[in-house]
N, C-alpha and C. Protein backbone atom coordinates (compact mmCIF):
# COMPACT_ATOMS: atom_id res chain seq x y z
N MET A 1 89.58 87.99 40.13
CA MET A 1 89.32 89.41 39.92
C MET A 1 90.29 90.26 40.74
N VAL A 2 90.52 91.49 40.30
CA VAL A 2 91.32 92.43 41.07
C VAL A 2 90.47 93.67 41.30
N LEU A 3 90.93 94.50 42.24
CA LEU A 3 90.18 95.72 42.53
C LEU A 3 90.05 96.58 41.28
N ALA A 4 88.87 97.15 41.11
CA ALA A 4 88.60 97.91 39.89
C ALA A 4 88.94 99.38 40.07
N ARG A 5 88.80 100.08 38.98
CA ARG A 5 89.07 101.51 38.99
C ARG A 5 88.01 102.25 39.79
N LYS A 6 88.35 103.45 40.23
CA LYS A 6 87.37 104.31 40.86
C LYS A 6 86.52 104.96 39.78
N ILE A 7 85.27 105.22 40.10
CA ILE A 7 84.40 105.87 39.14
C ILE A 7 84.81 107.32 38.98
N SER A 8 84.92 107.75 37.75
CA SER A 8 85.38 109.10 37.46
C SER A 8 84.74 109.61 36.18
N ASN A 9 84.59 110.92 36.08
CA ASN A 9 84.07 111.54 34.86
C ASN A 9 85.13 111.65 33.78
N THR A 10 86.39 111.42 34.13
CA THR A 10 87.48 111.61 33.19
C THR A 10 87.39 110.64 32.02
N GLY A 11 87.35 111.19 30.83
CA GLY A 11 87.38 110.37 29.63
C GLY A 11 86.11 109.57 29.38
N THR A 12 85.00 109.97 29.94
CA THR A 12 83.76 109.23 29.72
C THR A 12 82.59 110.18 29.57
N ARG A 13 81.58 109.72 28.85
CA ARG A 13 80.36 110.51 28.68
C ARG A 13 79.25 110.00 29.60
N ASN A 14 79.59 109.05 30.46
CA ASN A 14 78.59 108.49 31.35
C ASN A 14 78.09 109.53 32.34
N LEU A 15 76.86 109.33 32.78
CA LEU A 15 76.28 110.21 33.78
C LEU A 15 76.67 109.69 35.15
N ILE A 16 77.54 110.42 35.84
CA ILE A 16 78.03 110.00 37.15
C ILE A 16 77.14 110.61 38.22
N GLY A 17 76.73 109.79 39.19
CA GLY A 17 75.91 110.30 40.26
C GLY A 17 76.12 109.53 41.54
N LYS A 18 75.51 110.03 42.63
CA LYS A 18 75.67 109.43 43.95
C LYS A 18 74.31 108.99 44.49
N PHE A 19 74.25 107.75 44.94
CA PHE A 19 73.01 107.22 45.51
C PHE A 19 73.21 107.00 47.01
N PRO A 20 72.41 107.66 47.85
CA PRO A 20 72.57 107.51 49.31
C PRO A 20 71.95 106.21 49.79
N SER A 21 72.72 105.15 49.80
CA SER A 21 72.20 103.83 50.13
C SER A 21 71.99 103.66 51.63
N LEU A 22 70.76 103.37 52.02
CA LEU A 22 70.47 103.08 53.41
C LEU A 22 70.98 101.68 53.77
N LYS A 23 70.84 100.75 52.84
CA LYS A 23 71.28 99.38 53.08
C LYS A 23 72.78 99.29 53.31
N MET A 24 73.53 100.06 52.54
CA MET A 24 74.99 100.01 52.65
C MET A 24 75.54 101.03 53.66
N GLY A 25 74.73 102.01 54.04
CA GLY A 25 75.18 103.00 54.99
C GLY A 25 76.24 103.93 54.43
N ARG A 26 76.20 104.14 53.12
CA ARG A 26 77.18 105.02 52.48
C ARG A 26 76.65 105.47 51.13
N ILE A 27 77.40 106.36 50.50
CA ILE A 27 77.10 106.78 49.15
C ILE A 27 77.60 105.72 48.17
N VAL A 28 76.73 105.30 47.26
CA VAL A 28 77.11 104.36 46.20
C VAL A 28 77.08 105.13 44.88
N TRP A 29 78.13 105.01 44.10
CA TRP A 29 78.22 105.74 42.84
C TRP A 29 77.56 104.96 41.71
N TYR A 30 76.94 105.68 40.79
CA TYR A 30 76.39 105.05 39.60
C TYR A 30 76.85 105.80 38.36
N GLU A 31 76.79 105.12 37.21
CA GLU A 31 77.24 105.72 35.95
C GLU A 31 76.12 105.90 34.94
N SER A 32 74.90 105.63 35.35
CA SER A 32 73.76 105.86 34.47
C SER A 32 72.50 105.91 35.33
N LEU A 33 71.45 106.53 34.80
CA LEU A 33 70.19 106.57 35.53
C LEU A 33 69.58 105.18 35.65
N LEU A 34 69.91 104.31 34.70
CA LEU A 34 69.42 102.94 34.77
C LEU A 34 70.05 102.21 35.96
N GLU A 35 71.35 102.44 36.18
CA GLU A 35 72.00 101.87 37.37
C GLU A 35 71.35 102.40 38.64
N ARG A 36 71.08 103.70 38.66
CA ARG A 36 70.44 104.29 39.85
C ARG A 36 69.09 103.65 40.11
N ASP A 37 68.29 103.45 39.06
CA ASP A 37 66.98 102.82 39.25
C ASP A 37 67.12 101.41 39.77
N TYR A 38 68.14 100.70 39.31
CA TYR A 38 68.38 99.34 39.80
C TYR A 38 68.69 99.33 41.29
N MET A 39 69.37 100.38 41.75
CA MET A 39 69.71 100.47 43.18
C MET A 39 68.46 100.61 44.05
N TYR A 40 67.43 101.29 43.55
CA TYR A 40 66.18 101.35 44.30
C TYR A 40 65.62 99.95 44.54
N LEU A 41 65.71 99.10 43.53
CA LEU A 41 65.21 97.73 43.66
C LEU A 41 66.06 96.92 44.62
N LEU A 42 67.37 97.14 44.60
CA LEU A 42 68.25 96.43 45.53
C LEU A 42 67.97 96.85 46.97
N GLU A 43 67.65 98.12 47.16
CA GLU A 43 67.36 98.61 48.51
C GLU A 43 66.11 97.95 49.09
N ILE A 44 65.11 97.71 48.25
CA ILE A 44 63.83 97.19 48.72
C ILE A 44 63.80 95.67 48.78
N ASP A 45 64.81 95.03 48.18
CA ASP A 45 64.83 93.57 48.08
C ASP A 45 65.41 92.97 49.36
N SER A 46 64.60 92.27 50.14
CA SER A 46 65.04 91.71 51.42
C SER A 46 66.05 90.59 51.24
N ASP A 47 66.15 90.03 50.04
CA ASP A 47 67.11 88.94 49.79
C ASP A 47 68.52 89.48 49.56
N VAL A 48 68.63 90.78 49.30
CA VAL A 48 69.94 91.40 49.04
C VAL A 48 70.57 91.82 50.36
N ILE A 49 71.73 91.25 50.66
CA ILE A 49 72.46 91.57 51.88
C ILE A 49 73.31 92.82 51.69
N SER A 50 73.98 92.90 50.54
CA SER A 50 74.85 94.04 50.26
C SER A 50 75.08 94.15 48.76
N TYR A 51 75.56 95.29 48.35
CA TYR A 51 75.97 95.49 46.96
C TYR A 51 77.02 96.58 46.90
N ARG A 52 77.85 96.51 45.90
CA ARG A 52 78.85 97.58 45.71
C ARG A 52 79.16 97.76 44.24
N GLU A 53 79.54 98.96 43.92
CA GLU A 53 79.79 99.34 42.54
C GLU A 53 81.21 99.01 42.11
N GLN A 54 81.38 98.82 40.79
CA GLN A 54 82.71 98.60 40.19
C GLN A 54 83.52 97.60 41.03
N PRO A 55 83.03 96.37 41.22
CA PRO A 55 83.64 95.46 42.19
C PRO A 55 85.00 94.90 41.81
N GLY A 56 85.27 94.75 40.54
CA GLY A 56 86.55 94.18 40.15
C GLY A 56 86.60 93.85 38.67
N ARG A 57 87.77 93.57 38.19
CA ARG A 57 87.95 93.25 36.78
C ARG A 57 87.91 91.75 36.53
N ILE A 58 87.28 91.38 35.45
CA ILE A 58 87.29 90.00 34.98
C ILE A 58 88.30 89.92 33.83
N TYR A 59 89.32 89.09 33.99
CA TYR A 59 90.33 88.95 32.94
C TYR A 59 90.02 87.74 32.07
N TYR A 60 90.22 87.89 30.77
CA TYR A 60 89.96 86.79 29.84
C TYR A 60 90.81 86.99 28.59
N THR A 61 90.92 85.94 27.80
CA THR A 61 91.68 85.99 26.55
C THR A 61 90.72 85.86 25.38
N LEU A 62 90.82 86.78 24.42
CA LEU A 62 89.96 86.77 23.24
C LEU A 62 90.78 87.17 22.03
N ASP A 63 90.69 86.36 20.98
CA ASP A 63 91.44 86.62 19.75
C ASP A 63 92.94 86.75 20.02
N GLY A 64 93.41 85.95 20.98
CA GLY A 64 94.83 85.93 21.28
C GLY A 64 95.32 87.08 22.13
N ARG A 65 94.40 87.92 22.61
CA ARG A 65 94.80 89.07 23.41
C ARG A 65 94.24 88.95 24.82
N ARG A 66 95.03 89.42 25.79
CA ARG A 66 94.61 89.46 27.19
C ARG A 66 93.75 90.71 27.38
N ARG A 67 92.53 90.52 27.85
CA ARG A 67 91.60 91.64 28.00
C ARG A 67 91.00 91.63 29.40
N HIS A 68 90.31 92.72 29.73
CA HIS A 68 89.60 92.75 31.00
C HIS A 68 88.28 93.49 30.86
N TYR A 69 87.38 93.18 31.76
CA TYR A 69 86.03 93.75 31.73
C TYR A 69 85.58 93.98 33.17
N THR A 70 84.94 95.12 33.43
CA THR A 70 84.50 95.46 34.78
C THR A 70 82.98 95.51 34.85
N PRO A 71 82.34 94.57 35.54
CA PRO A 71 80.88 94.62 35.72
C PRO A 71 80.49 95.85 36.54
N ASP A 72 79.23 96.20 36.49
CA ASP A 72 78.77 97.39 37.20
C ASP A 72 78.66 97.19 38.70
N LEU A 73 78.18 96.00 39.12
CA LEU A 73 77.89 95.79 40.53
C LEU A 73 78.18 94.35 40.96
N LEU A 74 78.54 94.22 42.22
CA LEU A 74 78.55 92.92 42.88
C LEU A 74 77.40 92.93 43.87
N VAL A 75 76.46 92.01 43.69
CA VAL A 75 75.29 91.93 44.56
C VAL A 75 75.36 90.64 45.35
N GLU A 76 75.41 90.77 46.67
CA GLU A 76 75.46 89.59 47.54
C GLU A 76 74.06 89.31 48.06
N ARG A 77 73.54 88.15 47.70
CA ARG A 77 72.24 87.70 48.19
C ARG A 77 72.43 86.64 49.28
N ARG A 78 71.34 86.20 49.86
CA ARG A 78 71.44 85.28 50.99
C ARG A 78 72.13 83.98 50.63
N ARG A 79 71.91 83.51 49.41
CA ARG A 79 72.45 82.20 49.04
C ARG A 79 73.45 82.24 47.89
N GLU A 80 73.64 83.40 47.27
CA GLU A 80 74.55 83.46 46.13
C GLU A 80 75.02 84.89 45.89
N LYS A 81 76.07 84.99 45.09
CA LYS A 81 76.61 86.30 44.74
C LYS A 81 76.51 86.49 43.23
N HIS A 82 76.08 87.69 42.83
CA HIS A 82 75.92 88.00 41.42
C HIS A 82 76.84 89.14 41.01
N LEU A 83 77.50 88.98 39.90
CA LEU A 83 78.16 90.11 39.24
C LEU A 83 77.18 90.57 38.16
N VAL A 84 76.84 91.85 38.21
CA VAL A 84 75.73 92.36 37.40
C VAL A 84 76.20 93.45 36.44
N GLU A 85 75.80 93.31 35.20
CA GLU A 85 75.96 94.36 34.20
C GLU A 85 74.60 94.99 33.97
N VAL A 86 74.51 96.30 34.10
CA VAL A 86 73.27 97.04 33.88
C VAL A 86 73.36 97.67 32.49
N LYS A 87 72.44 97.29 31.62
CA LYS A 87 72.56 97.71 30.22
C LYS A 87 71.18 97.78 29.57
N PRO A 88 70.91 98.79 28.76
CA PRO A 88 69.66 98.80 27.99
C PRO A 88 69.55 97.53 27.16
N LYS A 89 68.35 96.98 27.05
CA LYS A 89 68.15 95.71 26.36
C LYS A 89 68.66 95.77 24.92
N LYS A 90 68.38 96.87 24.25
CA LYS A 90 68.81 97.01 22.86
C LYS A 90 70.33 96.91 22.74
N LYS A 91 71.02 97.52 23.69
CA LYS A 91 72.49 97.49 23.68
C LYS A 91 73.00 96.10 24.04
N ALA A 92 72.35 95.48 25.04
CA ALA A 92 72.80 94.16 25.51
C ALA A 92 72.66 93.09 24.45
N GLU A 93 71.76 93.30 23.48
CA GLU A 93 71.54 92.30 22.44
C GLU A 93 72.49 92.45 21.26
N GLU A 94 73.33 93.48 21.27
CA GLU A 94 74.32 93.62 20.22
C GLU A 94 75.32 92.47 20.31
N GLU A 95 75.78 91.99 19.18
CA GLU A 95 76.64 90.80 19.15
C GLU A 95 77.91 91.00 19.96
N GLU A 96 78.45 92.21 19.97
CA GLU A 96 79.67 92.49 20.74
C GLU A 96 79.46 92.18 22.22
N TYR A 97 78.32 92.63 22.73
CA TYR A 97 78.06 92.41 24.16
C TYR A 97 77.60 90.98 24.44
N ARG A 98 76.86 90.40 23.53
CA ARG A 98 76.44 89.01 23.72
C ARG A 98 77.67 88.09 23.84
N ARG A 99 78.65 88.36 23.03
CA ARG A 99 79.89 87.57 23.07
C ARG A 99 80.62 87.80 24.39
N LEU A 100 80.71 89.06 24.80
CA LEU A 100 81.37 89.40 26.06
C LEU A 100 80.66 88.75 27.25
N PHE A 101 79.33 88.80 27.25
CA PHE A 101 78.57 88.26 28.37
C PHE A 101 78.67 86.74 28.46
N ARG A 102 78.80 86.07 27.33
CA ARG A 102 79.00 84.62 27.36
C ARG A 102 80.34 84.28 28.04
N ILE A 103 81.35 85.05 27.71
CA ILE A 103 82.66 84.85 28.32
C ILE A 103 82.59 85.16 29.82
N ALA A 104 81.95 86.27 30.17
CA ALA A 104 81.84 86.67 31.57
C ALA A 104 81.08 85.62 32.38
N THR A 105 80.03 85.05 31.78
CA THR A 105 79.24 84.03 32.47
C THR A 105 80.10 82.82 32.82
N GLU A 106 80.90 82.36 31.86
CA GLU A 106 81.76 81.19 32.09
C GLU A 106 82.85 81.50 33.11
N THR A 107 83.44 82.68 33.00
CA THR A 107 84.52 83.07 33.91
C THR A 107 84.00 83.20 35.34
N CYS A 108 82.85 83.84 35.50
CA CYS A 108 82.27 84.03 36.83
C CYS A 108 81.90 82.69 37.46
N ARG A 109 81.37 81.79 36.67
CA ARG A 109 80.97 80.48 37.19
C ARG A 109 82.17 79.74 37.78
N ARG A 110 83.30 79.85 37.10
CA ARG A 110 84.51 79.17 37.60
C ARG A 110 84.97 79.76 38.93
N GLU A 111 84.66 81.04 39.15
CA GLU A 111 85.10 81.70 40.38
C GLU A 111 84.01 81.73 41.45
N GLY A 112 82.90 81.04 41.21
CA GLY A 112 81.87 80.92 42.23
C GLY A 112 80.85 82.03 42.25
N TYR A 113 80.73 82.76 41.13
CA TYR A 113 79.74 83.83 41.02
C TYR A 113 78.74 83.51 39.91
N GLU A 114 77.60 84.17 39.98
CA GLU A 114 76.67 84.15 38.85
C GLU A 114 76.78 85.49 38.14
N PHE A 115 76.83 85.45 36.82
CA PHE A 115 76.84 86.69 36.04
C PHE A 115 75.43 86.94 35.51
N ARG A 116 74.95 88.17 35.69
CA ARG A 116 73.62 88.51 35.24
C ARG A 116 73.62 89.87 34.54
N VAL A 117 72.76 90.00 33.56
CA VAL A 117 72.55 91.27 32.87
C VAL A 117 71.18 91.80 33.27
N ALA A 118 71.14 93.00 33.84
CA ALA A 118 69.89 93.65 34.23
C ALA A 118 69.58 94.72 33.19
N THR A 119 68.50 94.53 32.45
CA THR A 119 68.15 95.46 31.37
C THR A 119 67.08 96.45 31.82
N ASP A 120 66.85 97.45 30.97
CA ASP A 120 65.83 98.45 31.28
C ASP A 120 64.45 97.82 31.36
N GLU A 121 64.19 96.79 30.55
CA GLU A 121 62.89 96.13 30.61
C GLU A 121 62.65 95.45 31.95
N MET A 122 63.71 94.94 32.53
CA MET A 122 63.60 94.28 33.83
C MET A 122 63.53 95.31 34.97
N ILE A 123 64.39 96.32 34.89
CA ILE A 123 64.52 97.29 35.98
C ILE A 123 63.34 98.26 36.03
N ARG A 124 62.94 98.75 34.88
CA ARG A 124 61.91 99.79 34.84
C ARG A 124 60.50 99.22 34.65
N LEU A 125 60.33 98.00 35.10
CA LEU A 125 59.02 97.37 35.08
C LEU A 125 58.11 98.09 36.06
N GLN A 126 56.96 98.55 35.58
CA GLN A 126 56.01 99.27 36.41
C GLN A 126 54.82 98.38 36.74
N PRO A 127 54.20 98.61 37.92
CA PRO A 127 54.43 99.71 38.87
C PRO A 127 55.51 99.44 39.91
N ARG A 128 56.26 98.36 39.76
CA ARG A 128 57.23 97.97 40.79
C ARG A 128 58.25 99.07 41.08
N LEU A 129 58.85 99.65 40.03
CA LEU A 129 59.90 100.65 40.25
C LEU A 129 59.35 101.88 40.95
N ASN A 130 58.19 102.37 40.51
CA ASN A 130 57.60 103.55 41.16
C ASN A 130 57.27 103.26 42.62
N GLY A 131 56.81 102.03 42.89
CA GLY A 131 56.52 101.66 44.27
C GLY A 131 57.77 101.65 45.12
N ALA A 132 58.86 101.12 44.57
CA ALA A 132 60.13 101.09 45.31
C ALA A 132 60.64 102.51 45.58
N LYS A 133 60.51 103.39 44.60
CA LYS A 133 60.96 104.77 44.78
C LYS A 133 60.11 105.49 45.84
N LEU A 134 58.80 105.23 45.82
CA LEU A 134 57.93 105.86 46.81
C LEU A 134 58.29 105.41 48.22
N LEU A 135 58.48 104.13 48.40
CA LEU A 135 58.83 103.62 49.73
C LEU A 135 60.18 104.14 50.19
N TYR A 136 61.11 104.30 49.24
CA TYR A 136 62.45 104.76 49.61
C TYR A 136 62.42 106.19 50.17
N LYS A 137 61.44 106.98 49.76
CA LYS A 137 61.33 108.35 50.29
C LYS A 137 61.16 108.35 51.80
N TYR A 138 60.58 107.27 52.33
CA TYR A 138 60.28 107.20 53.75
C TYR A 138 61.22 106.23 54.48
N ALA A 139 62.30 105.85 53.82
CA ALA A 139 63.19 104.84 54.38
C ALA A 139 63.84 105.27 55.69
N ARG A 140 64.05 106.57 55.87
CA ARG A 140 64.73 107.06 57.07
C ARG A 140 63.76 107.53 58.15
N THR A 141 62.49 107.27 57.95
CA THR A 141 61.51 107.58 58.99
C THR A 141 61.82 106.74 60.24
N VAL A 142 61.83 107.40 61.38
CA VAL A 142 62.16 106.70 62.63
C VAL A 142 61.02 105.76 63.02
N LEU A 143 61.36 104.51 63.27
CA LEU A 143 60.38 103.52 63.70
C LEU A 143 60.60 103.21 65.18
N LEU A 144 59.51 103.15 65.93
CA LEU A 144 59.55 102.89 67.36
C LEU A 144 58.96 101.51 67.65
N PRO A 145 59.28 100.93 68.80
CA PRO A 145 58.74 99.61 69.14
C PRO A 145 57.21 99.55 69.06
N GLN A 146 56.54 100.65 69.45
CA GLN A 146 55.07 100.63 69.42
C GLN A 146 54.51 100.54 67.99
N HIS A 147 55.30 100.96 67.02
CA HIS A 147 54.85 100.85 65.63
C HIS A 147 54.77 99.37 65.22
N GLN A 148 55.78 98.61 65.57
CA GLN A 148 55.77 97.18 65.25
C GLN A 148 54.72 96.43 66.06
N ILE A 149 54.56 96.84 67.32
CA ILE A 149 53.53 96.23 68.16
C ILE A 149 52.15 96.48 67.55
N GLY A 150 51.94 97.70 67.04
CA GLY A 150 50.67 98.03 66.39
C GLY A 150 50.39 97.15 65.19
N CYS A 151 51.44 96.84 64.42
CA CYS A 151 51.28 95.96 63.26
C CYS A 151 50.74 94.60 63.68
N HIS A 152 51.34 94.04 64.71
CA HIS A 152 50.93 92.71 65.14
C HIS A 152 49.54 92.73 65.79
N GLU A 153 49.21 93.81 66.47
CA GLU A 153 47.86 93.93 67.03
C GLU A 153 46.82 93.99 65.91
N PHE A 154 47.13 94.77 64.88
CA PHE A 154 46.18 94.94 63.77
C PHE A 154 45.94 93.62 63.05
N PHE A 155 47.01 92.84 62.86
CA PHE A 155 46.89 91.61 62.07
C PHE A 155 46.64 90.36 62.94
N THR A 156 46.30 90.58 64.19
CA THR A 156 45.99 89.43 65.05
C THR A 156 44.75 88.69 64.56
N VAL A 157 43.76 89.42 64.08
CA VAL A 157 42.47 88.81 63.72
C VAL A 157 42.26 88.75 62.21
N ARG A 158 43.29 89.06 61.43
CA ARG A 158 43.17 89.02 59.96
C ARG A 158 44.53 88.73 59.35
N GLN A 159 44.52 88.22 58.15
CA GLN A 159 45.77 87.91 57.46
C GLN A 159 46.23 89.04 56.56
N GLU A 160 45.29 89.83 56.06
CA GLU A 160 45.64 90.92 55.16
C GLU A 160 44.59 92.01 55.23
N ALA A 161 44.94 93.19 54.71
CA ALA A 161 44.01 94.33 54.72
C ALA A 161 44.47 95.35 53.69
N PRO A 162 43.56 96.19 53.18
CA PRO A 162 43.96 97.25 52.24
C PRO A 162 44.86 98.27 52.94
N LEU A 163 45.76 98.85 52.19
CA LEU A 163 46.67 99.85 52.72
C LEU A 163 45.91 101.00 53.38
N GLY A 164 44.79 101.42 52.76
CA GLY A 164 44.01 102.51 53.33
C GLY A 164 43.50 102.20 54.72
N GLU A 165 43.10 100.96 54.95
CA GLU A 165 42.60 100.57 56.26
C GLU A 165 43.73 100.54 57.29
N VAL A 166 44.90 100.09 56.85
CA VAL A 166 46.06 100.06 57.75
C VAL A 166 46.45 101.47 58.17
N THR A 167 46.48 102.39 57.21
CA THR A 167 46.86 103.77 57.53
C THR A 167 45.83 104.43 58.44
N ARG A 168 44.55 104.11 58.26
CA ARG A 168 43.52 104.66 59.15
C ARG A 168 43.70 104.14 60.58
N PHE A 169 44.06 102.89 60.70
CA PHE A 169 44.30 102.31 62.03
C PHE A 169 45.42 103.07 62.74
N PHE A 170 46.52 103.30 62.04
CA PHE A 170 47.63 104.03 62.65
C PHE A 170 47.28 105.49 62.89
N ALA A 171 46.52 106.09 61.98
CA ALA A 171 46.11 107.49 62.16
C ALA A 171 45.27 107.65 63.42
N SER A 172 44.46 106.63 63.75
CA SER A 172 43.63 106.70 64.96
C SER A 172 44.49 106.73 66.21
N ARG A 173 45.75 106.35 66.07
CA ARG A 173 46.69 106.38 67.19
C ARG A 173 47.66 107.55 67.08
N GLY A 174 47.36 108.46 66.17
CA GLY A 174 48.21 109.64 66.00
C GLY A 174 49.50 109.37 65.26
N ILE A 175 49.53 108.31 64.45
CA ILE A 175 50.74 107.92 63.71
C ILE A 175 50.51 108.15 62.22
N GLY A 176 51.40 108.87 61.59
CA GLY A 176 51.23 109.27 60.20
C GLY A 176 51.47 108.16 59.20
N GLN A 177 51.04 108.42 57.97
CA GLN A 177 51.17 107.45 56.89
C GLN A 177 52.62 107.14 56.57
N GLN A 178 53.52 108.10 56.80
CA GLN A 178 54.93 107.87 56.50
C GLN A 178 55.49 106.69 57.30
N VAL A 179 54.94 106.47 58.48
CA VAL A 179 55.39 105.34 59.30
C VAL A 179 54.99 104.02 58.64
N VAL A 180 53.79 103.97 58.08
CA VAL A 180 53.32 102.76 57.39
C VAL A 180 54.23 102.45 56.21
N TYR A 181 54.57 103.49 55.43
CA TYR A 181 55.47 103.27 54.29
C TYR A 181 56.84 102.79 54.77
N ALA A 182 57.32 103.36 55.87
CA ALA A 182 58.61 102.94 56.41
C ALA A 182 58.56 101.50 56.90
N LEU A 183 57.45 101.09 57.48
CA LEU A 183 57.28 99.71 57.94
C LEU A 183 57.32 98.74 56.75
N ILE A 184 56.75 99.16 55.63
CA ILE A 184 56.79 98.33 54.42
C ILE A 184 58.21 98.27 53.88
N PHE A 185 58.88 99.42 53.83
CA PHE A 185 60.25 99.45 53.33
C PHE A 185 61.17 98.56 54.17
N ARG A 186 60.96 98.59 55.48
CA ARG A 186 61.83 97.82 56.39
C ARG A 186 61.46 96.34 56.42
N GLY A 187 60.37 95.97 55.76
CA GLY A 187 59.98 94.57 55.74
C GLY A 187 59.15 94.13 56.92
N VAL A 188 58.74 95.08 57.77
CA VAL A 188 57.86 94.73 58.90
C VAL A 188 56.47 94.38 58.36
N LEU A 189 56.06 95.09 57.31
CA LEU A 189 54.84 94.79 56.58
C LEU A 189 55.21 94.45 55.14
N SER A 190 54.33 93.75 54.46
CA SER A 190 54.63 93.30 53.11
C SER A 190 53.52 93.69 52.14
N VAL A 191 53.93 94.11 50.94
CA VAL A 191 52.98 94.38 49.85
C VAL A 191 53.55 93.78 48.57
N ASP A 192 52.68 93.59 47.61
CA ASP A 192 53.08 93.10 46.29
C ASP A 192 53.35 94.30 45.40
N LEU A 193 54.63 94.57 45.13
CA LEU A 193 54.98 95.75 44.34
C LEU A 193 54.74 95.56 42.85
N THR A 194 54.29 94.40 42.44
CA THR A 194 53.90 94.25 41.04
C THR A 194 52.52 94.86 40.80
N ARG A 195 51.88 95.29 41.86
CA ARG A 195 50.59 95.98 41.77
C ARG A 195 50.75 97.41 42.26
N PRO A 196 49.94 98.36 41.79
CA PRO A 196 50.08 99.76 42.21
C PRO A 196 49.98 99.92 43.72
N LEU A 197 50.83 100.79 44.25
CA LEU A 197 50.85 101.04 45.69
C LEU A 197 49.82 102.12 46.03
N THR A 198 48.54 101.73 45.94
CA THR A 198 47.43 102.64 46.22
C THR A 198 46.79 102.24 47.55
N ARG A 199 45.73 102.93 47.91
CA ARG A 199 45.05 102.62 49.15
C ARG A 199 44.40 101.24 49.13
N ASP A 200 44.23 100.69 47.93
CA ASP A 200 43.65 99.35 47.79
C ASP A 200 44.70 98.25 47.82
N ALA A 201 45.98 98.62 47.84
CA ALA A 201 47.04 97.61 47.85
C ALA A 201 46.90 96.72 49.08
N VAL A 202 47.10 95.43 48.88
CA VAL A 202 46.94 94.46 49.97
C VAL A 202 48.21 94.42 50.82
N VAL A 203 48.04 94.63 52.13
CA VAL A 203 49.14 94.63 53.09
C VAL A 203 49.00 93.41 54.00
N ARG A 204 50.12 92.79 54.33
CA ARG A 204 50.10 91.64 55.25
C ARG A 204 51.42 91.59 56.01
N LEU A 205 51.48 90.76 57.01
CA LEU A 205 52.76 90.49 57.66
C LEU A 205 53.56 89.56 56.76
N PRO A 206 54.86 89.77 56.64
CA PRO A 206 55.66 88.90 55.76
C PRO A 206 55.78 87.50 56.32
N ILE A 207 55.94 86.52 55.42
CA ILE A 207 56.18 85.14 55.83
C ILE A 207 57.63 85.03 56.29
N PRO A 208 57.87 84.53 57.49
CA PRO A 208 59.26 84.38 57.96
C PRO A 208 60.07 83.51 57.01
N ALA A 209 61.38 83.78 56.97
CA ALA A 209 62.26 83.04 56.06
C ALA A 209 62.20 81.54 56.31
N TYR A 210 62.11 81.12 57.60
CA TYR A 210 62.09 79.68 57.88
C TYR A 210 60.81 79.05 57.36
N ALA A 211 59.69 79.82 57.37
CA ALA A 211 58.44 79.29 56.86
C ALA A 211 58.50 79.13 55.36
N GLU A 212 59.16 80.07 54.67
CA GLU A 212 59.30 79.97 53.22
C GLU A 212 60.09 78.73 52.85
N ARG A 213 61.13 78.43 53.63
CA ARG A 213 61.93 77.25 53.33
C ARG A 213 61.13 75.98 53.52
N LYS A 214 60.26 75.96 54.53
CA LYS A 214 59.45 74.77 54.78
C LYS A 214 58.45 74.56 53.65
N VAL A 215 57.87 75.65 53.15
CA VAL A 215 56.89 75.55 52.06
C VAL A 215 57.56 75.03 50.81
N SER A 216 58.75 75.55 50.51
CA SER A 216 59.45 75.14 49.30
C SER A 216 60.03 73.75 49.44
């Protein structure tokens, strides 16, 4: 791959926007609202180390012609790297793109990457996306050592508790609900985002990475 073009409005009808990534510590550009929604999921995913837009061109030969294709994102996870195309499912199933993605998959595999297509059905799965967006609102809330200490004190005698009970515990110490959301976003506390993020949502301390490896 070679360095890709910069994102620009010139000659395109794409919706260009800026996403203030906390994980990356910079502005990340997107070319569609679907890409932006995907970035919310990348921000909340503890397995994602980094990601960047328009990472590079994939060169290939088709019908005797030298061509190139630029995936939307390079996503680096703990154990692998993905080149990702973000595309509505209906569009991704068109034969033109199916053919392109087969080529991209083979090319990426040879270069040590996995190629993946992230569709609207995958990205906009609810309530996960709304939960990720809600937590992201509180991502920049300042966390203090006593906040993490409070988490461990609360869960000393229990493995899990409803979100409402956790927030009441912190409120009794003069700590607002925004801190609880920030603790979840930062991975100090864990919730299942496939379920609605209501006061009944189950909160627990996350399983350490080494423990997950032992279980698997």
